[in-house]
Amino acid sequence: MNDWLASLKTETPQKGFELAIELARKGVAYTQPSADIRKKLRPKYAKNADSLIMTSQVIAIHFQTVAAANNYWK
């Protein structure tokens, strides 16, 4: 994959949350580089409440990282 992440700094918390979602998506793509396999697996987890909750948890962890980088907690 090419370099795509220049910084964790964002202009707003909303942009930070969107970056957290992108980090989660990129993490999946790095873990499973085959788009065909990801497409085949999606129906299995898209309707699974536990999978969706885990997805939210991963995004939340990424958002904590972005928030720390941007000093959102001050």
PDB file of N, CA and C in Angstrom:
ATOM      1  N   MET A   1       0.842  -1.185   0.000  1.00  0.00           N
ATOM      2  CA  MET A   1       0.000   0.000   0.000  1.00  0.00           C
ATOM      3  C   MET A   1       0.884   1.243   0.000  1.00  0.00           C
ATOM      4  N   ASN A   2       0.345   2.279  -0.547  1.00  0.00           N
ATOM      5  CA  ASN A   2       1.102   3.536  -0.589  1.00  0.00           C
ATOM      6  C   ASN A   2       0.889   4.346   0.692  1.00  0.00           C
ATOM      7  N   ASP A   3       1.771   5.307   0.909  1.00  0.00           N
ATOM      8  CA  ASP A   3       1.631   6.184   2.074  1.00  0.00           C
ATOM      9  C   ASP A   3       0.397   7.060   1.897  1.00  0.00           C
ATOM     10  N   TRP A   4      -0.485   7.043   2.843  1.00  0.00           N
ATOM     11  CA  TRP A   4      -1.712   7.832   2.753  1.00  0.00           C
ATOM     12  C   TRP A   4      -1.956   8.648   4.021  1.00  0.00           C
ATOM     13  N   LEU A   5      -1.289   8.318   5.111  1.00  0.00           N
ATOM     14  CA  LEU A   5      -1.540   8.993   6.382  1.00  0.00           C
ATOM     15  C   LEU A   5      -0.418   9.983   6.666  1.00  0.00           C
ATOM     16  N   ALA A   6      -0.692  11.247   6.391  1.00  0.00           N
ATOM     17  CA  ALA A   6       0.317  12.286   6.593  1.00  0.00           C
ATOM     18  C   ALA A   6       0.394  12.724   8.053  1.00  0.00           C
ATOM     19  N   SER A   7      -0.740  12.655   8.765  1.00  0.00           N
ATOM     20  CA  SER A   7      -0.786  13.150  10.132  1.00  0.00           C
ATOM     21  C   SER A   7      -2.045  12.661  10.825  1.00  0.00           C
ATOM     22  N   LEU A   8      -1.994  12.604  12.132  1.00  0.00           N
ATOM     23  CA  LEU A   8      -3.195  12.341  12.917  1.00  0.00           C
ATOM     24  C   LEU A   8      -3.889  13.638  13.314  1.00  0.00           C
ATOM     25  N   LYS A   9      -3.294  14.757  12.997  1.00  0.00           N
ATOM     26  CA  LYS A   9      -3.885  16.061  13.315  1.00  0.00           C
ATOM     27  C   LYS A   9      -5.083  16.323  12.410  1.00  0.00           C
ATOM     28  N   THR A  10      -6.174  16.797  13.007  1.00  0.00           N
ATOM     29  CA  THR A  10      -7.380  17.123  12.253  1.00  0.00           C
ATOM     30  C   THR A  10      -7.889  18.495  12.684  1.00  0.00           C
ATOM     31  N   GLU A  11      -8.678  19.101  11.820  1.00  0.00           N
ATOM     32  CA  GLU A  11      -9.191  20.446  12.095  1.00  0.00           C
ATOM     33  C   GLU A  11     -10.295  20.461  13.138  1.00  0.00           C
ATOM     34  N   THR A  12     -11.080  19.378  13.193  1.00  0.00           N
ATOM     35  CA  THR A  12     -12.210  19.318  14.122  1.00  0.00           C
ATOM     36  C   THR A  12     -12.342  17.904  14.680  1.00  0.00           C
ATOM     37  N   PRO A  13     -13.037  17.743  15.805  1.00  0.00           N
ATOM     38  CA  PRO A  13     -13.308  16.397  16.302  1.00  0.00           C
ATOM     39  C   PRO A  13     -14.089  15.545  15.288  1.00  0.00           C
ATOM     40  N   GLN A  14     -14.995  16.153  14.542  1.00  0.00           N
ATOM     41  CA  GLN A  14     -15.738  15.414  13.505  1.00  0.00           C
ATOM     42  C   GLN A  14     -14.770  14.823  12.481  1.00  0.00           C
ATOM     43  N   LYS A  15     -13.825  15.631  12.022  1.00  0.00           N
ATOM     44  CA  LYS A  15     -12.809  15.145  11.073  1.00  0.00           C
ATOM     45  C   LYS A  15     -11.954  14.062  11.738  1.00  0.00           C
ATOM     46  N   GLY A  16     -11.714  14.207  13.027  1.00  0.00           N
ATOM     47  CA  GLY A  16     -10.969  13.192  13.759  1.00  0.00           C
ATOM     48  C   GLY A  16     -11.708  11.865  13.809  1.00  0.00           C
ATOM     49  N   PHE A  17     -13.017  11.932  14.015  1.00  0.00           N
ATOM     50  CA  PHE A  17     -13.826  10.713  14.021  1.00  0.00           C
ATOM     51  C   PHE A  17     -13.821  10.060  12.644  1.00  0.00           C
ATOM     52  N   GLU A  18     -13.920  10.876  11.611  1.00  0.00           N
ATOM     53  CA  GLU A  18     -13.871  10.345  10.246  1.00  0.00           C
ATOM     54  C   GLU A  18     -12.515   9.701   9.962  1.00  0.00           C
ATOM     55  N   LEU A  19     -11.445  10.280  10.492  1.00  0.00           N
ATOM     56  CA  LEU A  19     -10.131   9.681  10.350  1.00  0.00           C
ATOM     57  C   LEU A  19     -10.080   8.341  11.083  1.00  0.00           C
ATOM     58  N   ALA A  20     -10.697   8.271  12.248  1.00  0.00           N
ATOM     59  CA  ALA A  20     -10.736   7.011  12.999  1.00  0.00           C
ATOM     60  C   ALA A  20     -11.434   5.920  12.192  1.00  0.00           C
ATOM     61  N   ILE A  21     -12.509   6.269  11.514  1.00  0.00           N
ATOM     62  CA  ILE A  21     -13.203   5.300  10.665  1.00  0.00           C
ATOM     63  C   ILE A  21     -12.291   4.854   9.524  1.00  0.00           C
ATOM     64  N   GLU A  22     -11.604   5.799   8.920  1.00  0.00           N
ATOM     65  CA  GLU A  22     -10.676   5.466   7.831  1.00  0.00           C
ATOM     66  C   GLU A  22      -9.535   4.571   8.325  1.00  0.00           C
ATOM     67  N   LEU A  23      -9.039   4.829   9.525  1.00  0.00           N
ATOM     68  CA  LEU A  23      -8.013   3.974  10.103  1.00  0.00           C
ATOM     69  C   LEU A  23      -8.523   2.541  10.265  1.00  0.00           C
ATOM     70  N   ALA A  24      -9.755   2.401  10.717  1.00  0.00           N
ATOM     71  CA  ALA A  24     -10.344   1.071  10.876  1.00  0.00           C
ATOM     72  C   ALA A  24     -10.461   0.375   9.520  1.00  0.00           C
ATOM     73  N   ARG A  25     -10.926   1.105   8.528  1.00  0.00           N
ATOM     74  CA  ARG A  25     -11.063   0.521   7.181  1.00  0.00           C
ATOM     75  C   ARG A  25      -9.718   0.096   6.621  1.00  0.00           C
ATOM     76  N   LYS A  26      -8.721   0.956   6.774  1.00  0.00           N
ATOM     77  CA  LYS A  26      -7.386   0.631   6.274  1.00  0.00           C
ATOM     78  C   LYS A  26      -6.811  -0.572   7.023  1.00  0.00           C
ATOM     79  N   GLY A  27      -7.101  -0.670   8.308  1.00  0.00           N
ATOM     80  CA  GLY A  27      -6.631  -1.814   9.077  1.00  0.00           C
ATOM     81  C   GLY A  27      -7.176  -3.126   8.535  1.00  0.00           C
ATOM     82  N   VAL A  28      -8.437  -3.129   8.165  1.00  0.00           N
ATOM     83  CA  VAL A  28      -9.041  -4.321   7.571  1.00  0.00           C
ATOM     84  C   VAL A  28      -8.383  -4.634   6.231  1.00  0.00           C
ATOM     85  N   ALA A  29      -8.153  -3.608   5.414  1.00  0.00           N
ATOM     86  CA  ALA A  29      -7.538  -3.816   4.101  1.00  0.00           C
ATOM     87  C   ALA A  29      -6.103  -4.341   4.225  1.00  0.00           C
ATOM     88  N   TYR A  30      -5.378  -3.874   5.227  1.00  0.00           N
ATOM     89  CA  TYR A  30      -4.023  -4.383   5.453  1.00  0.00           C
ATOM     90  C   TYR A  30      -4.074  -5.833   5.915  1.00  0.00           C
ATOM     91  N   THR A  31      -5.041  -6.137   6.788  1.00  0.00           N
ATOM     92  CA  THR A  31      -5.161  -7.478   7.340  1.00  0.00           C
ATOM     93  C   THR A  31      -5.617  -8.484   6.292  1.00  0.00           C
ATOM     94  N   GLN A  32      -6.590  -8.077   5.464  1.00  0.00           N
ATOM     95  CA  GLN A  32      -7.085  -8.934   4.386  1.00  0.00           C
ATOM     96  C   GLN A  32      -6.992  -8.145   3.086  1.00  0.00           C
ATOM     97  N   PRO A  33      -5.867  -8.250   2.383  1.00  0.00           N
ATOM     98  CA  PRO A  33      -5.656  -7.430   1.189  1.00  0.00           C
ATOM     99  C   PRO A  33      -6.554  -7.773   0.000  1.00  0.00           C
ATOM    100  N   SER A  34      -7.205  -8.918   0.015  1.00  0.00           N
ATOM    101  CA  SER A  34      -8.062  -9.295  -1.108  1.00  0.00           C
ATOM    102  C   SER A  34      -9.437  -8.634  -0.998  1.00  0.00           C
ATOM    103  N   ALA A  35      -9.711  -7.734  -1.920  1.00  0.00           N
ATOM    104  CA  ALA A  35     -11.030  -7.079  -1.941  1.00  0.00           C
ATOM    105  C   ALA A  35     -12.135  -8.104  -2.198  1.00  0.00           C
ATOM    106  N   ASP A  36     -11.855  -9.105  -3.000  1.00  0.00           N
ATOM    107  CA  ASP A  36     -12.856 -10.141  -3.277  1.00  0.00           C
ATOM    108  C   ASP A  36     -13.238 -10.900  -2.014  1.00  0.00           C
ATOM    109  N   ILE A  37     -12.248 -11.257  -1.216  1.00  0.00           N
ATOM    110  CA  ILE A  37     -12.540 -11.976   0.031  1.00  0.00           C
ATOM    111  C   ILE A  37     -13.303 -11.079   0.993  1.00  0.00           C
ATOM    112  N   ARG A  38     -12.879  -9.815   1.113  1.00  0.00           N
ATOM    113  CA  ARG A  38     -13.603  -8.884   2.002  1.00  0.00           C
ATOM    114  C   ARG A  38     -15.060  -8.760   1.565  1.00  0.00           C
ATOM    115  N   LYS A  39     -15.287  -8.682   0.273  1.00  0.00           N
ATOM    116  CA  LYS A  39     -16.653  -8.548  -0.254  1.00  0.00           C
ATOM    117  C   LYS A  39     -17.480  -9.792   0.078  1.00  0.00           C
ATOM    118  N   LYS A  40     -16.865 -10.970  -0.012  1.00  0.00           N
ATOM    119  CA  LYS A  40     -17.570 -12.216   0.309  1.00  0.00           C
ATOM    120  C   LYS A  40     -17.889 -12.318   1.792  1.00  0.00           C
ATOM    121  N   LEU A  41     -17.003 -11.815   2.643  1.00  0.00           N
ATOM    122  CA  LEU A  41     -17.198 -11.908   4.090  1.00  0.00           C
ATOM    123  C   LEU A  41     -18.196 -10.892   4.633  1.00  0.00           C
ATOM    124  N   ARG A  42     -18.334  -9.775   3.957  1.00  0.00           N
ATOM    125  CA  ARG A  42     -19.168  -8.686   4.481  1.00  0.00           C
ATOM    126  C   ARG A  42     -20.593  -9.105   4.845  1.00  0.00           C
ATOM    127  N   PRO A  43     -21.305  -9.869   4.002  1.00  0.00           N
ATOM    128  CA  PRO A  43     -22.673 -10.251   4.399  1.00  0.00           C
ATOM    129  C   PRO A  43     -22.736 -11.035   5.706  1.00  0.00           C
ATOM    130  N   LYS A  44     -21.661 -11.758   6.027  1.00  0.00           N
ATOM    131  CA  LYS A  44     -21.654 -12.553   7.261  1.00  0.00           C
ATOM    132  C   LYS A  44     -21.597 -11.673   8.505  1.00  0.00           C
ATOM    133  N   TYR A  45     -20.858 -10.578   8.435  1.00  0.00           N
ATOM    134  CA  TYR A  45     -20.737  -9.736   9.635  1.00  0.00           C
ATOM    135  C   TYR A  45     -21.656  -8.520   9.607  1.00  0.00           C
ATOM    136  N   ALA A  46     -22.172  -8.160   8.456  1.00  0.00           N
ATOM    137  CA  ALA A  46     -22.999  -6.956   8.348  1.00  0.00           C
ATOM    138  C   ALA A  46     -24.301  -7.055   9.134  1.00  0.00           C
ATOM    139  N   LYS A  47     -24.775  -8.269   9.375  1.00  0.00           N
ATOM    140  CA  LYS A  47     -26.029  -8.458  10.109  1.00  0.00           C
ATOM    141  C   LYS A  47     -25.794  -9.080  11.483  1.00  0.00           C
ATOM    142  N   ASN A  48     -24.537  -9.115  11.912  1.00  0.00           N
ATOM    143  CA  ASN A  48     -24.184  -9.722  13.185  1.00  0.00           C
ATOM    144  C   ASN A  48     -23.935  -8.618  14.209  1.00  0.00           C
ATOM    145  N   ALA A  49     -24.775  -8.563  15.226  1.00  0.00           N
ATOM    146  CA  ALA A  49     -24.675  -7.493  16.223  1.00  0.00           C
ATOM    147  C   ALA A  49     -23.310  -7.474  16.912  1.00  0.00           C
ATOM    148  N   ASP A  50     -22.777  -8.636  17.252  1.00  0.00           N
ATOM    149  CA  ASP A  50     -21.472  -8.677  17.916  1.00  0.00           C
ATOM    150  C   ASP A  50     -20.374  -8.119  17.019  1.00  0.00           C
ATOM    151  N   SER A  51     -20.424  -8.448  15.739  1.00  0.00           N
ATOM    152  CA  SER A  51     -19.426  -7.925  14.800  1.00  0.00           C
ATOM    153  C   SER A  51     -19.528  -6.416  14.681  1.00  0.00           C
ATOM    154  N   LEU A  52     -20.744  -5.902  14.639  1.00  0.00           N
ATOM    155  CA  LEU A  52     -20.939  -4.451  14.522  1.00  0.00           C
ATOM    156  C   LEU A  52     -20.467  -3.734  15.785  1.00  0.00           C
ATOM    157  N   ILE A  53     -20.708  -4.327  16.935  1.00  0.00           N
ATOM    158  CA  ILE A  53     -20.238  -3.740  18.193  1.00  0.00           C
ATOM    159  C   ILE A  53     -18.711  -3.728  18.225  1.00  0.00           C
ATOM    160  N   MET A  54     -18.090  -4.817  17.777  1.00  0.00           N
ATOM    161  CA  MET A  54     -16.620  -4.863  17.745  1.00  0.00           C
ATOM    162  C   MET A  54     -16.062  -3.822  16.774  1.00  0.00           C
ATOM    163  N   THR A  55     -16.760  -3.613  15.673  1.00  0.00           N
ATOM    164  CA  THR A  55     -16.344  -2.580  14.722  1.00  0.00           C
ATOM    165  C   THR A  55     -16.386  -1.215  15.388  1.00  0.00           C
ATOM    166  N   SER A  56     -17.443  -0.946  16.123  1.00  0.00           N
ATOM    167  CA  SER A  56     -17.552   0.327  16.837  1.00  0.00           C
ATOM    168  C   SER A  56     -16.440   0.475  17.861  1.00  0.00           C
ATOM    169  N   GLN A  57     -16.079  -0.612  18.502  1.00  0.00           N
ATOM    170  CA  GLN A  57     -15.006  -0.573  19.494  1.00  0.00           C
ATOM    171  C   GLN A  57     -13.669  -0.227  18.839  1.00  0.00           C
ATOM    172  N   VAL A  58     -13.383  -0.823  17.695  1.00  0.00           N
ATOM    173  CA  VAL A  58     -12.137  -0.519  16.982  1.00  0.00           C
ATOM    174  C   VAL A  58     -12.109   0.952  16.588  1.00  0.00           C
ATOM    175  N   ILE A  59     -13.212   1.467  16.079  1.00  0.00           N
ATOM    176  CA  ILE A  59     -13.277   2.885  15.707  1.00  0.00           C
ATOM    177  C   ILE A  59     -13.064   3.760  16.937  1.00  0.00           C
ATOM    178  N   ALA A  60     -13.670   3.387  18.055  1.00  0.00           N
ATOM    179  CA  ALA A  60     -13.514   4.167  19.281  1.00  0.00           C
ATOM    180  C   ALA A  60     -12.062   4.196  19.740  1.00  0.00           C
ATOM    181  N   ILE A  61     -11.372   3.079  19.634  1.00  0.00           N
ATOM    182  CA  ILE A  61      -9.962   3.035  20.019  1.00  0.00           C
ATOM    183  C   ILE A  61      -9.137   3.935  19.106  1.00  0.00           C
ATOM    184  N   HIS A  62      -9.418   3.875  17.810  1.00  0.00           N
ATOM    185  CA  HIS A  62      -8.713   4.769  16.883  1.00  0.00           C
ATOM    186  C   HIS A  62      -9.028   6.232  17.190  1.00  0.00           C
ATOM    187  N   PHE A  63     -10.282   6.522  17.553  1.00  0.00           N
ATOM    188  CA  PHE A  63     -10.641   7.907  17.867  1.00  0.00           C
ATOM    189  C   PHE A  63      -9.901   8.378  19.117  1.00  0.00           C
ATOM    190  N   GLN A  64      -9.707   7.507  20.089  1.00  0.00           N
ATOM    191  CA  GLN A  64      -8.928   7.879  21.269  1.00  0.00           C
ATOM    192  C   GLN A  64      -7.518   8.288  20.868  1.00  0.00           C
ATOM    193  N   THR A  65      -6.932   7.559  19.938  1.00  0.00           N
ATOM    194  CA  THR A  65      -5.582   7.872  19.463  1.00  0.00           C
ATOM    195  C   THR A  65      -5.556   9.220  18.765  1.00  0.00           C
ATOM    196  N   VAL A  66      -6.526   9.452  17.879  1.00  0.00           N
ATOM    197  CA  VAL A  66      -6.600  10.730  17.153  1.00  0.00           C
ATOM    198  C   VAL A  66      -6.861  11.861  18.137  1.00  0.00           C
ATOM    199  N   ALA A  67      -7.753  11.639  19.094  1.00  0.00           N
ATOM    200  CA  ALA A  67      -8.059  12.684  20.080  1.00  0.00           C
ATOM    201  C   ALA A  67      -6.830  13.034  20.899  1.00  0.00           C
ATOM    202  N   ALA A  68      -6.059  12.038  21.284  1.00  0.00           N
ATOM    203  CA  ALA A  68      -4.830  12.302  22.040  1.00  0.00           C
ATOM    204  C   ALA A  68      -3.847  13.105  21.201  1.00  0.00           C
ATOM    205  N   ALA A  69      -3.729  12.770  19.923  1.00  0.00           N
ATOM    206  CA  ALA A  69      -2.812  13.483  19.031  1.00  0.00           C
ATOM    207  C   ALA A  69      -3.230  14.947  18.837  1.00  0.00           C
ATOM    208  N   ASN A  70      -4.526  15.206  18.972  1.00  0.00           N
ATOM    209  CA  ASN A  70      -5.046  16.556  18.761  1.00  0.00           C
ATOM    210  C   ASN A  70      -5.342  17.308  20.064  1.00  0.00           C
ATOM    211  N   ASN A  71      -5.070  16.660  21.179  1.00  0.00           N
ATOM    212  CA  ASN A  71      -5.299  17.270  22.497  1.00  0.00           C
ATOM    213  C   ASN A  71      -6.764  17.691  22.680  1.00  0.00           C
ATOM    214  N   TYR A  72      -7.664  16.845  22.187  1.00  0.00           N
ATOM    215  CA  TYR A  72      -9.107  17.147  22.336  1.00  0.00           C
ATOM    216  C   TYR A  72      -9.564  17.181  23.781  1.00  0.00           C
ATOM    217  N   TRP A  73      -8.827  16.541  24.675  1.00  0.00           N
ATOM    218  CA  TRP A  73      -9.284  16.393  26.053  1.00  0.00           C
ATOM    219  C   TRP A  73      -8.998  17.611  26.917  1.00  0.00           C
ATOM    220  N   LYS A  74      -8.275  18.597  26.393  1.00  0.00           N
ATOM    221  CA  LYS A  74      -7.929  19.737  27.251  1.00  0.00           C
ATOM    222  C   LYS A  74      -9.122  20.592  27.585  1.00  0.00           C
TER     223      LYS A  74
END
